[in-house]
N, C-alpha and C. Protein backbone atom coordinates (compact mmCIF):
# COMPACT_ATOMS: atom_id res chain seq x y z
N MET A 1 -1.87 -16.36 13.55
CA MET A 1 -2.22 -17.68 12.73
C MET A 1 -2.06 -18.82 13.66
N ASP A 2 -3.02 -19.66 13.60
CA ASP A 2 -3.17 -20.85 14.58
C ASP A 2 -2.56 -21.98 13.85
N HIS A 3 -2.67 -22.12 12.51
CA HIS A 3 -2.33 -23.31 11.85
C HIS A 3 -1.93 -22.97 10.27
N LEU A 4 -0.89 -23.56 9.84
CA LEU A 4 -0.47 -23.40 8.41
C LEU A 4 -0.69 -24.91 7.94
N GLY A 5 -1.74 -24.99 7.05
CA GLY A 5 -2.14 -26.34 6.43
C GLY A 5 -1.67 -26.59 5.06
N GLY A 6 -1.64 -27.88 4.78
CA GLY A 6 -1.33 -28.19 3.38
C GLY A 6 -2.63 -28.57 2.60
N PRO A 7 -2.50 -29.09 1.28
CA PRO A 7 -3.60 -29.32 0.60
C PRO A 7 -4.49 -30.62 1.10
N ASP A 8 -3.72 -31.52 1.78
CA ASP A 8 -4.49 -32.68 2.26
C ASP A 8 -5.53 -32.32 3.54
N GLU A 9 -5.26 -31.05 4.07
CA GLU A 9 -5.99 -30.81 5.21
C GLU A 9 -7.24 -29.55 4.78
N LEU A 10 -7.18 -29.36 3.49
CA LEU A 10 -8.01 -28.29 3.09
C LEU A 10 -9.47 -28.41 3.62
N TYR A 11 -10.02 -29.45 3.28
CA TYR A 11 -11.48 -29.47 3.56
C TYR A 11 -11.75 -29.63 5.17
N ASP A 12 -10.75 -30.02 5.82
CA ASP A 12 -10.80 -30.06 7.38
C ASP A 12 -10.61 -28.74 7.83
N LEU A 13 -9.95 -27.91 7.51
CA LEU A 13 -9.56 -26.52 8.00
C LEU A 13 -10.52 -25.47 7.33
N LEU A 14 -11.03 -25.63 6.30
CA LEU A 14 -11.90 -24.51 5.75
C LEU A 14 -13.15 -24.26 6.69
N PRO A 15 -13.86 -25.02 7.21
CA PRO A 15 -15.02 -24.82 8.08
C PRO A 15 -14.48 -24.10 9.31
N GLN A 16 -13.28 -24.06 9.74
CA GLN A 16 -12.85 -23.54 10.99
C GLN A 16 -12.20 -22.06 10.74
N ALA A 17 -11.77 -21.71 9.56
CA ALA A 17 -10.91 -20.62 9.42
C ALA A 17 -11.74 -19.42 9.13
N ASP A 18 -11.38 -18.40 9.95
CA ASP A 18 -11.97 -16.89 9.65
C ASP A 18 -11.25 -16.22 8.44
N PHE A 19 -10.16 -16.62 8.12
CA PHE A 19 -9.46 -16.03 7.10
C PHE A 19 -8.69 -17.19 6.25
N VAL A 20 -8.79 -17.10 4.99
CA VAL A 20 -8.18 -18.15 4.14
C VAL A 20 -7.18 -17.33 3.14
N PHE A 21 -6.00 -17.61 3.36
CA PHE A 21 -4.87 -16.82 2.49
C PHE A 21 -4.44 -17.87 1.49
N LEU A 22 -4.57 -17.49 0.21
CA LEU A 22 -4.09 -18.39 -1.05
C LEU A 22 -2.74 -18.07 -1.35
N THR A 23 -1.75 -19.09 -1.14
CA THR A 23 -0.30 -18.92 -1.41
C THR A 23 0.08 -19.98 -2.30
N ALA A 24 -0.66 -20.74 -2.83
CA ALA A 24 -0.28 -21.88 -3.57
C ALA A 24 0.31 -21.52 -5.04
N PRO A 25 1.08 -22.31 -5.41
CA PRO A 25 1.47 -22.15 -6.93
C PRO A 25 0.40 -22.63 -7.95
N LEU A 26 0.21 -22.11 -9.13
CA LEU A 26 -0.63 -22.50 -10.02
C LEU A 26 -0.14 -23.69 -10.78
N THR A 27 -0.78 -24.92 -10.30
CA THR A 27 -0.44 -26.15 -11.09
C THR A 27 -1.73 -26.84 -11.57
N ASP A 28 -1.58 -28.00 -12.39
CA ASP A 28 -2.70 -28.75 -12.73
C ASP A 28 -3.56 -29.05 -11.43
N GLN A 29 -2.95 -29.41 -10.36
CA GLN A 29 -3.66 -29.74 -9.12
C GLN A 29 -4.46 -28.62 -8.39
N THR A 30 -3.85 -27.40 -8.58
CA THR A 30 -4.43 -26.17 -7.84
C THR A 30 -5.39 -25.23 -8.77
N ARG A 31 -5.21 -25.55 -10.12
CA ARG A 31 -6.09 -24.64 -10.83
C ARG A 31 -7.52 -24.74 -10.70
N LYS A 32 -8.16 -23.70 -10.37
CA LYS A 32 -9.51 -23.54 -10.17
C LYS A 32 -9.97 -24.31 -8.84
N MET A 33 -8.87 -24.58 -7.81
CA MET A 33 -9.28 -25.16 -6.68
C MET A 33 -10.34 -24.63 -5.81
N PHE A 34 -10.48 -23.22 -5.91
CA PHE A 34 -11.44 -22.55 -5.13
C PHE A 34 -12.51 -22.25 -6.13
N ASP A 35 -13.42 -23.34 -6.19
CA ASP A 35 -14.56 -23.33 -6.96
C ASP A 35 -15.87 -23.28 -5.95
N ALA A 36 -17.11 -23.32 -6.55
CA ALA A 36 -18.25 -23.17 -5.78
C ALA A 36 -18.22 -24.18 -4.56
N SER A 37 -17.79 -25.46 -4.78
CA SER A 37 -17.75 -26.44 -3.76
C SER A 37 -16.82 -26.16 -2.65
N THR A 38 -15.49 -25.68 -3.13
CA THR A 38 -14.56 -25.24 -2.12
C THR A 38 -15.16 -24.10 -1.20
N LEU A 39 -15.65 -23.09 -1.92
CA LEU A 39 -15.97 -21.91 -1.20
C LEU A 39 -17.16 -22.22 -0.29
N SER A 40 -18.10 -23.11 -0.63
CA SER A 40 -19.19 -23.47 0.17
C SER A 40 -18.86 -24.21 1.35
N ALA A 41 -17.58 -24.75 1.35
CA ALA A 41 -16.99 -25.53 2.50
C ALA A 41 -16.48 -24.58 3.51
N MET A 42 -16.05 -23.31 2.97
CA MET A 42 -15.64 -22.28 3.87
C MET A 42 -16.54 -21.85 5.05
N LYS A 43 -16.14 -21.42 6.23
CA LYS A 43 -16.99 -21.07 7.24
C LYS A 43 -17.67 -19.78 6.85
N PRO A 44 -19.06 -19.88 6.95
CA PRO A 44 -19.82 -18.63 6.71
C PRO A 44 -19.20 -17.40 7.43
N GLY A 45 -19.15 -16.28 6.68
CA GLY A 45 -18.58 -15.03 7.14
C GLY A 45 -17.16 -14.89 7.10
N ALA A 46 -16.54 -15.97 6.37
CA ALA A 46 -14.94 -15.86 6.25
C ALA A 46 -14.46 -14.96 5.20
N VAL A 47 -13.14 -14.75 5.32
CA VAL A 47 -12.55 -13.72 4.33
C VAL A 47 -11.68 -14.61 3.52
N LEU A 48 -11.69 -14.49 2.33
CA LEU A 48 -10.74 -15.01 1.15
C LEU A 48 -9.68 -14.15 0.72
N ILE A 49 -8.34 -14.24 0.93
CA ILE A 49 -7.30 -13.47 0.47
C ILE A 49 -6.54 -14.20 -0.54
N ASN A 50 -6.22 -13.74 -1.96
CA ASN A 50 -5.52 -14.43 -2.80
C ASN A 50 -4.40 -13.56 -3.15
N VAL A 51 -3.08 -13.95 -2.87
CA VAL A 51 -1.88 -13.25 -3.14
C VAL A 51 -1.08 -14.05 -3.92
N ALA A 52 -1.65 -15.22 -4.55
CA ALA A 52 -0.78 -16.22 -5.13
C ALA A 52 -0.90 -16.02 -6.64
N ARG A 53 -1.94 -16.81 -7.24
CA ARG A 53 -2.20 -16.74 -8.73
C ARG A 53 -3.69 -16.78 -8.80
N GLY A 54 -4.12 -16.08 -9.91
CA GLY A 54 -5.54 -15.71 -10.20
C GLY A 54 -6.30 -16.98 -10.48
N GLY A 55 -5.57 -17.82 -11.09
CA GLY A 55 -6.18 -19.09 -11.62
C GLY A 55 -6.46 -20.16 -10.54
N LEU A 56 -6.17 -19.82 -9.33
CA LEU A 56 -6.59 -20.74 -8.17
C LEU A 56 -8.08 -20.59 -7.95
N VAL A 57 -8.73 -19.56 -8.34
CA VAL A 57 -10.16 -19.39 -8.06
C VAL A 57 -10.98 -19.35 -9.41
N VAL A 58 -12.25 -19.72 -9.12
CA VAL A 58 -13.23 -19.60 -10.21
C VAL A 58 -13.94 -18.14 -9.91
N GLU A 59 -13.64 -17.26 -10.82
CA GLU A 59 -14.15 -15.87 -10.55
C GLU A 59 -15.62 -15.88 -10.14
N GLN A 60 -16.48 -16.59 -10.92
CA GLN A 60 -18.01 -16.45 -10.71
C GLN A 60 -18.29 -17.03 -9.44
N ALA A 61 -17.69 -17.98 -9.01
CA ALA A 61 -17.90 -18.65 -7.68
C ALA A 61 -17.65 -17.75 -6.57
N VAL A 62 -16.54 -17.00 -6.64
CA VAL A 62 -16.26 -16.09 -5.70
C VAL A 62 -17.24 -14.93 -5.63
N VAL A 63 -17.61 -14.42 -6.73
CA VAL A 63 -18.70 -13.37 -6.84
C VAL A 63 -20.00 -13.81 -6.18
N ASP A 64 -20.45 -15.17 -6.54
CA ASP A 64 -21.61 -15.60 -5.99
C ASP A 64 -21.56 -15.73 -4.54
N ALA A 65 -20.30 -16.29 -3.96
CA ALA A 65 -20.26 -16.36 -2.54
C ALA A 65 -20.19 -15.01 -1.78
N LEU A 66 -19.70 -13.95 -2.38
CA LEU A 66 -19.88 -12.73 -2.00
C LEU A 66 -21.23 -12.09 -1.96
N GLU A 67 -21.85 -12.35 -3.16
CA GLU A 67 -23.21 -11.78 -3.04
C GLU A 67 -24.24 -12.45 -2.22
N SER A 68 -24.00 -13.94 -2.08
CA SER A 68 -24.98 -14.50 -1.13
C SER A 68 -24.80 -14.19 0.26
N GLY A 69 -23.60 -13.66 0.72
CA GLY A 69 -23.14 -13.26 1.94
C GLY A 69 -22.45 -14.42 2.60
N HIS A 70 -22.20 -15.61 1.88
CA HIS A 70 -21.39 -16.79 2.45
C HIS A 70 -20.05 -16.30 2.81
N LEU A 71 -19.32 -15.55 1.98
CA LEU A 71 -18.15 -14.90 2.33
C LEU A 71 -18.44 -13.49 2.83
N ASP A 72 -17.67 -13.04 3.78
CA ASP A 72 -17.77 -11.69 4.33
C ASP A 72 -17.22 -10.65 3.24
N SER A 73 -16.00 -11.19 2.87
CA SER A 73 -15.25 -10.22 2.01
C SER A 73 -14.25 -10.95 1.26
N ALA A 74 -13.58 -10.37 0.40
CA ALA A 74 -12.27 -11.00 -0.25
C ALA A 74 -11.39 -9.87 -0.74
N GLY A 75 -10.05 -10.22 -0.72
CA GLY A 75 -9.06 -9.32 -1.14
C GLY A 75 -8.29 -10.10 -2.25
N PHE A 76 -8.06 -9.66 -3.29
CA PHE A 76 -7.41 -10.23 -4.55
C PHE A 76 -6.15 -9.25 -5.00
N ASP A 77 -4.90 -9.68 -4.86
CA ASP A 77 -3.75 -9.16 -5.37
C ASP A 77 -3.56 -9.65 -6.79
N VAL A 78 -4.20 -10.64 -7.12
CA VAL A 78 -4.24 -11.32 -8.42
C VAL A 78 -5.62 -11.77 -8.90
N THR A 79 -5.88 -11.88 -10.20
CA THR A 79 -7.29 -12.21 -10.67
C THR A 79 -6.94 -13.12 -11.87
N PRO A 80 -8.08 -14.00 -12.14
CA PRO A 80 -7.79 -14.97 -13.16
C PRO A 80 -7.54 -14.33 -14.57
N GLU A 81 -7.89 -13.04 -14.85
CA GLU A 81 -7.44 -12.29 -15.98
C GLU A 81 -6.80 -10.86 -15.34
N GLU A 82 -5.72 -10.72 -15.78
CA GLU A 82 -5.02 -9.32 -15.33
C GLU A 82 -4.71 -8.49 -16.38
N PRO A 83 -5.34 -7.13 -16.23
CA PRO A 83 -6.43 -6.83 -15.24
C PRO A 83 -7.76 -7.45 -15.63
N PRO A 84 -8.68 -7.56 -14.77
CA PRO A 84 -10.11 -8.05 -15.09
C PRO A 84 -10.70 -7.16 -16.23
N ALA A 85 -11.33 -7.87 -16.98
CA ALA A 85 -12.03 -7.09 -18.22
C ALA A 85 -13.01 -6.15 -17.60
N ALA A 86 -13.29 -5.05 -18.45
CA ALA A 86 -14.17 -3.91 -17.96
C ALA A 86 -15.50 -4.57 -17.58
N ASN A 87 -16.06 -5.60 -18.09
CA ASN A 87 -17.31 -6.21 -17.74
C ASN A 87 -17.23 -7.30 -16.75
N SER A 88 -16.18 -7.49 -16.10
CA SER A 88 -15.90 -8.63 -15.16
C SER A 88 -16.72 -8.31 -13.89
N PRO A 89 -17.55 -9.49 -13.50
CA PRO A 89 -18.25 -9.17 -12.31
C PRO A 89 -17.55 -9.01 -10.91
N LEU A 90 -16.21 -9.13 -11.07
CA LEU A 90 -15.41 -8.64 -9.83
C LEU A 90 -15.42 -7.40 -9.44
N TRP A 91 -15.51 -6.39 -10.50
CA TRP A 91 -15.54 -4.94 -10.34
C TRP A 91 -16.81 -4.73 -9.37
N THR A 92 -17.90 -5.22 -9.40
CA THR A 92 -18.96 -4.93 -8.73
C THR A 92 -19.44 -5.81 -7.52
N ALA A 93 -18.66 -6.82 -7.43
CA ALA A 93 -18.88 -7.75 -6.34
C ALA A 93 -18.72 -6.97 -5.03
N PRO A 94 -19.73 -7.35 -4.08
CA PRO A 94 -19.66 -6.58 -2.71
C PRO A 94 -18.67 -7.12 -1.92
N GLY A 95 -17.86 -6.28 -1.18
CA GLY A 95 -16.83 -6.80 -0.14
C GLY A 95 -15.58 -7.11 -0.81
N LEU A 96 -15.33 -6.94 -2.27
CA LEU A 96 -14.04 -7.35 -2.86
C LEU A 96 -13.14 -6.19 -3.05
N ILE A 97 -11.88 -6.31 -2.56
CA ILE A 97 -10.95 -5.29 -2.73
C ILE A 97 -9.87 -5.88 -3.84
N ILE A 98 -9.69 -5.20 -4.77
CA ILE A 98 -8.56 -5.70 -5.84
C ILE A 98 -7.33 -4.71 -5.89
N THR A 99 -6.16 -5.25 -5.73
CA THR A 99 -4.99 -4.52 -5.83
C THR A 99 -4.24 -5.02 -7.13
N PRO A 100 -3.46 -4.01 -7.80
CA PRO A 100 -2.87 -4.42 -9.12
C PRO A 100 -1.62 -5.30 -8.99
N HIS A 101 -1.60 -6.35 -8.29
CA HIS A 101 -0.56 -7.47 -8.30
C HIS A 101 0.69 -6.67 -7.84
N VAL A 102 0.58 -6.03 -6.73
CA VAL A 102 1.68 -5.31 -6.06
C VAL A 102 1.94 -5.71 -4.77
N GLY A 103 1.13 -6.81 -4.21
CA GLY A 103 1.30 -7.10 -2.74
C GLY A 103 2.65 -7.54 -2.41
N GLY A 104 3.38 -8.09 -3.31
CA GLY A 104 4.80 -8.51 -2.93
C GLY A 104 5.98 -7.50 -2.97
N GLN A 105 5.40 -6.24 -3.15
CA GLN A 105 6.44 -5.00 -3.24
C GLN A 105 6.82 -4.58 -1.79
N SER A 106 7.89 -4.34 -1.57
CA SER A 106 8.34 -3.79 -0.26
C SER A 106 9.72 -3.10 -0.49
N GLY A 107 10.11 -2.45 0.41
CA GLY A 107 11.46 -1.85 0.42
C GLY A 107 12.52 -2.72 0.61
N LYS A 108 12.27 -4.07 1.13
CA LYS A 108 13.36 -5.03 1.29
C LYS A 108 13.15 -6.16 0.16
N ARG A 109 12.35 -5.89 -0.77
CA ARG A 109 12.15 -6.99 -1.79
C ARG A 109 13.55 -7.24 -2.64
N ILE A 110 14.24 -6.23 -3.03
CA ILE A 110 15.43 -6.36 -3.80
C ILE A 110 16.50 -7.14 -3.04
N ASP A 111 16.61 -6.69 -1.79
CA ASP A 111 17.55 -7.19 -0.89
C ASP A 111 17.29 -8.73 -0.58
N ARG A 112 16.01 -9.17 -0.43
CA ARG A 112 15.63 -10.62 -0.26
C ARG A 112 16.06 -11.30 -1.53
N MET A 113 15.81 -10.75 -2.74
CA MET A 113 16.01 -11.42 -3.93
C MET A 113 17.47 -11.52 -4.13
N THR A 114 18.22 -10.54 -3.90
CA THR A 114 19.76 -10.58 -3.95
C THR A 114 20.26 -11.69 -2.96
N ASP A 115 19.77 -11.60 -1.81
CA ASP A 115 20.33 -12.67 -0.82
C ASP A 115 19.89 -14.04 -1.23
N LEU A 116 18.76 -14.22 -1.90
CA LEU A 116 18.37 -15.65 -2.22
C LEU A 116 19.19 -16.02 -3.42
N PHE A 117 19.44 -15.12 -4.54
CA PHE A 117 20.24 -15.29 -5.61
C PHE A 117 21.71 -15.76 -5.20
N CYS A 118 22.23 -15.02 -4.17
CA CYS A 118 23.65 -15.34 -3.67
C CYS A 118 23.77 -16.64 -3.10
N GLU A 119 22.67 -16.93 -2.18
CA GLU A 119 22.58 -18.17 -1.49
C GLU A 119 22.54 -19.29 -2.48
N ASN A 120 21.73 -19.16 -3.43
CA ASN A 120 21.61 -20.18 -4.66
C ASN A 120 22.74 -20.48 -5.39
N ILE A 121 23.56 -19.41 -5.71
CA ILE A 121 24.95 -19.63 -6.24
C ILE A 121 25.78 -20.31 -5.49
N ILE A 122 25.93 -20.17 -4.20
CA ILE A 122 26.80 -20.96 -3.26
C ILE A 122 26.29 -22.35 -3.23
N ARG A 123 24.89 -22.59 -3.17
CA ARG A 123 24.46 -23.93 -3.22
C ARG A 123 24.82 -24.64 -4.41
N TYR A 124 24.57 -23.97 -5.59
CA TYR A 124 24.80 -24.50 -6.91
C TYR A 124 26.15 -25.24 -6.89
N ARG A 125 27.29 -24.16 -6.51
CA ARG A 125 28.66 -24.54 -6.76
C ARG A 125 29.09 -25.63 -5.71
N SER A 126 28.27 -25.84 -4.68
CA SER A 126 28.57 -26.82 -3.70
C SER A 126 27.67 -28.16 -3.92
N GLY A 127 26.84 -28.14 -4.83
CA GLY A 127 26.16 -29.32 -5.40
C GLY A 127 24.98 -29.45 -4.37
N ARG A 128 24.55 -28.61 -3.63
CA ARG A 128 23.38 -28.52 -2.76
C ARG A 128 22.00 -28.13 -3.39
N PRO A 129 20.91 -28.60 -3.04
CA PRO A 129 19.76 -28.26 -3.53
C PRO A 129 19.51 -26.69 -3.60
N LEU A 130 18.93 -26.25 -4.51
CA LEU A 130 18.58 -24.70 -4.61
C LEU A 130 17.27 -24.48 -3.90
N ILE A 131 17.23 -23.24 -3.40
CA ILE A 131 16.08 -22.79 -2.57
C ILE A 131 15.05 -22.29 -3.69
N ASN A 132 13.76 -22.74 -3.52
CA ASN A 132 12.75 -22.15 -4.45
C ASN A 132 12.81 -22.86 -5.79
N SER A 133 13.49 -24.00 -6.01
CA SER A 133 13.52 -24.64 -7.26
C SER A 133 12.30 -25.35 -7.44
N VAL A 134 11.85 -25.52 -8.72
CA VAL A 134 10.50 -26.19 -8.95
C VAL A 134 10.68 -27.53 -9.58
N ASP A 135 10.09 -28.44 -9.13
CA ASP A 135 10.04 -29.84 -9.61
C ASP A 135 8.91 -30.01 -10.44
N LYS A 136 8.99 -29.86 -11.79
CA LYS A 136 7.86 -29.82 -12.80
C LYS A 136 6.86 -31.01 -12.55
N LYS A 137 7.64 -32.17 -11.97
CA LYS A 137 6.72 -33.23 -11.93
C LYS A 137 5.93 -33.24 -10.57
N LEU A 138 6.32 -32.57 -9.74
CA LEU A 138 5.53 -32.42 -8.46
C LEU A 138 4.70 -31.16 -8.51
N GLY A 139 5.12 -30.11 -9.38
CA GLY A 139 4.19 -28.98 -9.66
C GLY A 139 4.46 -27.86 -8.48
N PHE A 140 5.38 -28.10 -7.59
CA PHE A 140 5.59 -27.04 -6.52
C PHE A 140 6.93 -27.30 -5.96
N PRO A 141 7.63 -26.27 -5.23
CA PRO A 141 8.84 -26.41 -4.89
C PRO A 141 9.03 -27.58 -3.81
N PRO A 142 10.04 -28.38 -3.95
CA PRO A 142 10.25 -29.47 -2.80
C PRO A 142 10.99 -28.74 -1.58
N PRO A 143 10.69 -29.37 -0.56
CA PRO A 143 11.41 -28.66 0.69
C PRO A 143 12.89 -28.78 0.70
N VAL A 144 13.41 -27.78 1.14
CA VAL A 144 14.94 -27.77 1.09
C VAL A 144 15.45 -27.54 2.56
N SER A 145 16.47 -28.28 2.90
CA SER A 145 16.96 -27.97 4.18
C SER A 145 18.36 -27.25 4.16
């Protein structure tokens, strides 16, 4: 990875990126953010990976970008509807791999969740900000030091 960019850099970075990984939360600001306009701003031949929330993408826009060859391929661990309907164009889109929302599974997941829970108990009891708390006004987790 050469760069990890935020939302304010999206349209500057998309034409440069060979791979775009979606890891954003689903908020009013991010819902359907990868529509036809956003996808057309991506570098031709790029790969789109969504491991975050299905609602970040417009399903038909991704299918169109794959069918036209603008996107080389895509990988979705999440889809707008889970599972996609039997007649969803995602099933026949060229170059699309769909996994059943299991990308976050690993042998260390329970350990990481337990460590996070314990750390947040310590933080809560000492009056410090919690890790991964959500500020509903911001729509995403605020940075924690």
